[in-house]
Amino acid sequence: MTERLGASTDFGHVEAWVFDLDNTLYPADCNLFAEIDTRMGDFIAARFGVSLEEAQRMRKSYYYQYGTTLAGLMRLHDVCPNAFLDYVHDIDLSVIAPAPELGQALDALPGRKFVFTNGSRRHAESVIARLGLDGRFEDVFDIHAAEFIPKPERAAYERFMSAHAVAAGSAAMFDDLPHNLRTAHGLGMTTVLVDCGKIDHPEHRAIAGWGELPSHIHHRTDALAPFLAGIGAMRAEEADRAASAGAYCCL
């Protein structure tokens, strides 16, 4: 795939680093999506007394119509979001390996760091702890904080930016789903597609057929930690040059 580089190659303007959680901070081959997918089907089947096949049909239908399965369940069936989220995120996280290199790369980034997820804070904090990334993020902006408006809805991003005084023009968004980055790009964020493995999702399948990056994605990486480490090194070099220039002017 051709990776387009242009005016947005430089991350020197970025003051806020915004990361999706699932299949972004950890690789997709952990296959947590499949576990969550199964538990969503189980929840729907038990709640409505339908077969697992019908439950999965409902799950997919709600996802495509409303952005998330939960949004459809809440809108059409008044399902309690906490009950749903607690159930579907009750999964085995032992498949997630600690990520010390990612921790070091995050530490080297100047500025504020956030997790912005359609999942729950409890799930995000459990994953962050498993990765060994505690203390790296200023906050987790979850589906509760977004008042159950999910990405890629523009209102979710606006709530996030308002809650944390983040300016879109000085923010970089990292996500594994291109349609989430489309909204971020429309708001003025620098966008990075984290393509760290494939899952059975239409957006992931579509990526394989790309000849070049679409216009709403500035960068693509299949290895988040070294990508961030490269940015951190670049920012450190810029700071050193600025300091040297300042010292020279004072001579």
Protein backbone atom coordinates (compact mmCIF):
# COMPACT_ATOMS: atom_id res chain seq x y z
CA MET A 1 0.00 0.00 0.00
CA THR A 2 1.25 3.46 -0.84
CA GLU A 3 1.53 5.62 2.28
CA ARG A 4 0.96 9.27 1.48
CA LEU A 5 3.15 11.78 3.27
CA GLY A 6 2.63 15.49 2.98
CA ALA A 7 2.05 18.61 5.02
CA SER A 8 0.84 16.56 7.97
CA THR A 9 4.04 14.47 8.15
CA ASP A 10 5.33 16.72 10.92
CA PHE A 11 3.80 16.10 14.34
CA GLY A 12 5.46 19.18 15.79
CA HIS A 13 2.11 20.94 16.22
CA VAL A 14 0.51 18.12 18.24
CA GLU A 15 -0.22 18.85 21.90
CA ALA A 16 -2.87 16.16 22.54
CA TRP A 17 -2.43 12.49 21.60
CA VAL A 18 -5.75 10.64 21.43
CA PHE A 19 -5.85 6.85 21.24
CA ASP A 20 -8.62 4.39 20.60
CA LEU A 21 -8.37 1.36 22.89
CA ASP A 22 -9.35 -1.97 21.37
CA ASN A 23 -7.16 -3.21 18.48
CA THR A 24 -5.15 0.02 18.74
CA LEU A 25 -3.22 -0.04 22.00
CA TYR A 26 -2.95 -3.82 21.70
CA PRO A 27 -2.69 -5.88 18.48
CA ALA A 28 -5.81 -7.29 16.87
CA ASP A 29 -4.40 -10.81 16.96
CA CYS A 30 -5.19 -10.88 20.68
CA ASN A 31 -8.67 -11.61 19.29
CA LEU A 32 -10.56 -9.91 22.11
CA PHE A 33 -13.02 -8.64 19.52
CA ALA A 34 -14.19 -12.23 18.95
CA GLU A 35 -14.76 -12.72 22.67
CA ILE A 36 -16.69 -9.47 22.96
CA ASP A 37 -18.65 -10.32 19.83
CA THR A 38 -19.66 -13.70 21.28
CA ARG A 39 -20.74 -12.18 24.58
CA MET A 40 -22.83 -9.53 22.82
CA GLY A 41 -24.65 -12.32 21.02
CA ASP A 42 -25.13 -14.23 24.26
CA PHE A 43 -26.53 -11.13 25.99
CA ILE A 44 -29.03 -10.43 23.20
CA ALA A 45 -30.11 -14.08 22.95
CA ALA A 46 -30.77 -14.27 26.71
CA ARG A 47 -32.48 -10.87 26.88
CA PHE A 48 -34.90 -11.47 24.02
CA GLY A 49 -35.20 -15.26 24.05
CA VAL A 50 -33.92 -15.64 20.50
CA SER A 51 -31.43 -18.02 18.92
CA LEU A 52 -27.74 -17.14 18.81
CA GLU A 53 -28.02 -16.82 15.05
CA GLU A 54 -30.82 -14.27 15.37
CA ALA A 55 -28.95 -12.50 18.17
CA GLN A 56 -25.91 -12.05 15.94
CA ARG A 57 -28.11 -10.77 13.13
CA MET A 58 -29.57 -8.18 15.51
CA ARG A 59 -26.09 -7.24 16.76
CA LYS A 60 -24.81 -6.57 13.26
CA SER A 61 -27.95 -4.71 12.23
CA TYR A 62 -27.76 -2.37 15.23
CA TYR A 63 -24.05 -1.79 14.72
CA TYR A 64 -24.50 -0.66 11.12
CA GLN A 65 -27.62 1.41 11.81
CA TYR A 66 -26.60 3.12 15.05
CA GLY A 67 -22.80 2.98 15.23
CA THR A 68 -22.67 0.46 18.07
CA THR A 69 -24.79 -2.49 19.11
CA LEU A 70 -25.41 -0.79 22.45
CA ALA A 71 -26.79 2.35 20.79
CA GLY A 72 -29.37 0.24 18.95
CA LEU A 73 -30.31 -1.72 22.06
CA MET A 74 -30.77 1.47 24.06
CA ARG A 75 -32.76 3.28 21.38
CA LEU A 76 -35.03 0.41 20.38
CA HIS A 77 -35.30 -1.67 23.55
CA ASP A 78 -34.34 0.60 26.47
CA VAL A 79 -31.55 -1.79 27.48
CA CYS A 80 -29.56 -0.71 30.56
CA PRO A 81 -26.11 0.23 29.24
CA ASN A 82 -24.27 -0.75 32.41
CA ALA A 83 -25.74 -4.25 32.37
CA PHE A 84 -24.73 -4.69 28.74
CA LEU A 85 -21.22 -3.27 29.11
CA ASP A 86 -20.47 -5.22 32.29
CA TYR A 87 -21.53 -8.44 30.61
CA VAL A 88 -19.75 -8.06 27.27
CA HIS A 89 -16.48 -6.86 28.84
CA ASP A 90 -16.33 -9.76 31.29
CA ILE A 91 -13.62 -11.46 29.23
CA ASP A 92 -10.21 -13.05 29.66
CA LEU A 93 -7.53 -10.38 29.26
CA SER A 94 -4.61 -12.73 29.85
CA VAL A 95 -3.99 -12.83 26.09
CA ILE A 96 -2.81 -9.21 26.27
CA ALA A 97 0.95 -9.05 26.87
CA PRO A 98 2.59 -6.18 28.74
CA ALA A 99 3.92 -3.53 26.36
CA PRO A 100 6.99 -1.86 27.91
CA GLU A 101 8.15 -0.48 24.55
CA LEU A 102 4.81 1.22 24.06
CA GLY A 103 5.05 2.66 27.56
CA GLN A 104 8.48 4.11 26.82
CA ALA A 105 7.24 5.56 23.53
CA LEU A 106 4.29 7.22 25.25
CA ASP A 107 6.59 8.65 27.91
CA ALA A 108 8.72 10.26 25.19
CA LEU A 109 5.76 12.10 23.63
CA PRO A 110 5.45 15.68 24.85
CA GLY A 111 1.92 16.75 25.63
CA ARG A 112 -1.29 15.24 26.94
CA LYS A 113 -2.43 11.68 26.23
CA PHE A 114 -5.98 10.32 26.28
CA VAL A 115 -7.87 7.13 25.57
CA PHE A 116 -11.11 7.72 23.65
CA THR A 117 -13.19 4.54 23.46
CA ASN A 118 -16.70 3.34 22.69
CA GLY A 119 -16.23 0.86 25.53
CA SER A 120 -16.46 1.40 29.27
CA ARG A 121 -13.92 3.03 31.57
CA ARG A 122 -13.71 -0.18 33.58
CA HIS A 123 -12.77 -2.19 30.51
CA ALA A 124 -10.28 0.45 29.37
CA GLU A 125 -8.59 0.65 32.75
CA SER A 126 -8.33 -3.15 32.91
CA VAL A 127 -6.69 -3.26 29.48
CA ILE A 128 -4.36 -0.36 30.31
CA ALA A 129 -3.28 -2.14 33.51
CA ARG A 130 -2.69 -5.37 31.61
CA LEU A 131 -0.49 -3.51 29.10
CA GLY A 132 1.46 -1.92 31.95
CA LEU A 133 0.49 1.57 30.83
CA ASP A 134 -0.90 2.88 34.12
CA GLY A 135 -0.25 6.57 34.66
CA ARG A 136 0.39 7.33 30.99
CA PHE A 137 -3.01 8.83 30.18
CA GLU A 138 -4.56 11.97 31.56
CA ASP A 139 -8.02 10.46 31.25
CA VAL A 140 -10.17 7.76 29.67
CA PHE A 141 -13.10 9.24 27.77
CA ASP A 142 -15.55 6.35 27.56
CA ILE A 143 -19.05 5.77 26.24
CA HIS A 144 -20.54 7.01 29.53
CA ALA A 145 -18.64 10.31 29.28
CA ALA A 146 -19.87 10.66 25.70
CA GLU A 147 -23.44 10.28 27.00
CA PHE A 148 -23.71 7.05 24.98
CA ILE A 149 -23.07 8.77 21.66
CA PRO A 150 -20.45 6.57 19.98
CA LYS A 151 -17.65 7.23 17.56
CA PRO A 152 -17.84 8.01 14.67
CA GLU A 153 -20.63 10.46 15.56
CA ARG A 154 -19.27 14.00 15.48
CA ALA A 155 -21.00 14.83 18.77
CA ALA A 156 -18.88 12.24 20.58
CA TYR A 157 -15.66 13.96 19.47
CA GLU A 158 -17.05 17.38 20.33
CA ARG A 159 -17.93 16.17 23.83
CA PHE A 160 -14.44 14.79 24.26
CA MET A 161 -12.76 17.99 23.08
CA SER A 162 -15.02 20.17 25.22
CA ALA A 163 -14.49 18.05 28.33
CA HIS A 164 -10.70 18.27 28.07
CA ALA A 165 -10.17 21.62 26.33
CA VAL A 166 -8.55 19.91 23.34
CA ALA A 167 -8.22 21.86 20.10
CA ALA A 168 -8.70 19.65 17.05
CA GLY A 169 -5.92 21.40 15.15
CA SER A 170 -3.37 20.46 17.80
CA ALA A 171 -4.55 16.87 18.29
CA ALA A 172 -3.58 13.55 16.71
CA MET A 173 -6.08 10.67 16.64
CA PHE A 174 -4.97 7.02 16.47
CA ASP A 175 -7.60 4.42 15.58
CA ASP A 176 -7.88 1.05 13.84
CA LEU A 177 -11.17 1.93 12.09
CA PRO A 178 -10.98 4.28 9.11
CA HIS A 179 -14.51 5.63 9.58
CA ASN A 180 -13.59 6.88 13.07
CA LEU A 181 -10.66 8.76 11.53
CA ARG A 182 -12.93 10.32 8.91
CA THR A 183 -14.74 12.27 11.60
CA ALA A 184 -11.48 13.20 13.33
CA HIS A 185 -10.08 14.47 10.02
CA GLY A 186 -13.22 16.49 9.36
CA LEU A 187 -12.70 18.26 12.67
CA GLY A 188 -9.09 19.10 11.82
CA MET A 189 -7.15 16.42 13.68
CA THR A 190 -4.05 14.70 12.36
CA THR A 191 -5.08 11.09 11.75
CA VAL A 192 -3.16 7.83 12.08
CA LEU A 193 -4.55 4.44 11.09
CA VAL A 194 -3.20 1.73 13.39
CA ASP A 195 -3.32 -1.38 11.21
CA CYS A 196 -2.00 -3.87 13.76
CA GLY A 197 -3.61 -7.05 12.49
CA LYS A 198 -6.90 -8.07 10.94
CA ILE A 199 -10.21 -8.90 12.54
CA ASP A 200 -13.46 -10.01 10.93
CA HIS A 201 -14.77 -6.50 10.44
CA PRO A 202 -15.79 -4.85 7.15
CA GLU A 203 -13.51 -1.87 7.75
CA HIS A 204 -10.51 -4.12 8.29
CA ARG A 205 -11.31 -6.19 5.23
CA ALA A 206 -11.61 -3.04 3.11
CA ILE A 207 -8.12 -1.85 4.11
CA ALA A 208 -6.56 -4.86 2.36
CA GLY A 209 -7.91 -3.61 -0.98
CA TRP A 210 -6.53 -0.09 -0.74
CA GLY A 211 -3.94 0.99 -3.30
CA GLU A 212 -3.21 4.18 -1.38
CA LEU A 213 -4.36 5.89 1.76
CA PRO A 214 -7.70 7.71 1.54
CA SER A 215 -7.56 11.46 1.93
CA HIS A 216 -8.86 11.44 5.51
CA ILE A 217 -5.93 9.34 6.77
CA HIS A 218 -2.61 11.14 7.05
CA HIS A 219 -0.49 8.24 8.26
CA ARG A 220 -0.66 4.48 8.63
CA THR A 221 1.38 2.18 10.86
CA ASP A 222 1.34 -1.53 11.58
CA ALA A 223 3.53 -1.11 14.68
CA LEU A 224 2.37 1.58 17.11
CA ALA A 225 5.28 1.57 19.59
CA PRO A 226 8.10 2.22 17.07
CA PHE A 227 5.91 4.72 15.20
CA LEU A 228 5.42 6.72 18.41
CA ALA A 229 9.08 6.31 19.33
CA GLY A 230 10.00 7.90 16.01
CA ILE A 231 7.74 10.86 16.70
CA GLY A 232 9.19 11.23 20.19
CA ALA A 233 12.73 11.24 18.82
CA MET A 234 11.78 13.84 16.23
CA ARG A 235 10.20 16.08 18.85
CA ALA A 236 13.27 15.73 21.08
CA GLU A 237 15.53 16.78 18.19
CA GLU A 238 13.33 19.79 17.52
CA ALA A 239 13.51 20.80 21.17
CA ASP A 240 17.29 20.46 21.17
CA ARG A 241 17.61 22.60 18.05
CA ALA A 242 15.35 25.27 19.55
CA ALA A 243 17.36 25.28 22.77
CA SER A 244 20.64 25.53 20.86
CA ALA A 245 19.28 28.41 18.76
CA GLY A 246 18.16 30.20 21.89
CA ALA A 247 21.53 29.76 23.54
CA TYR A 248 23.29 31.05 20.41
CA CYS A 249 21.13 34.18 20.32
CA CYS A 250 22.08 34.95 23.91
CA LEU A 251 25.84 34.84 23.22
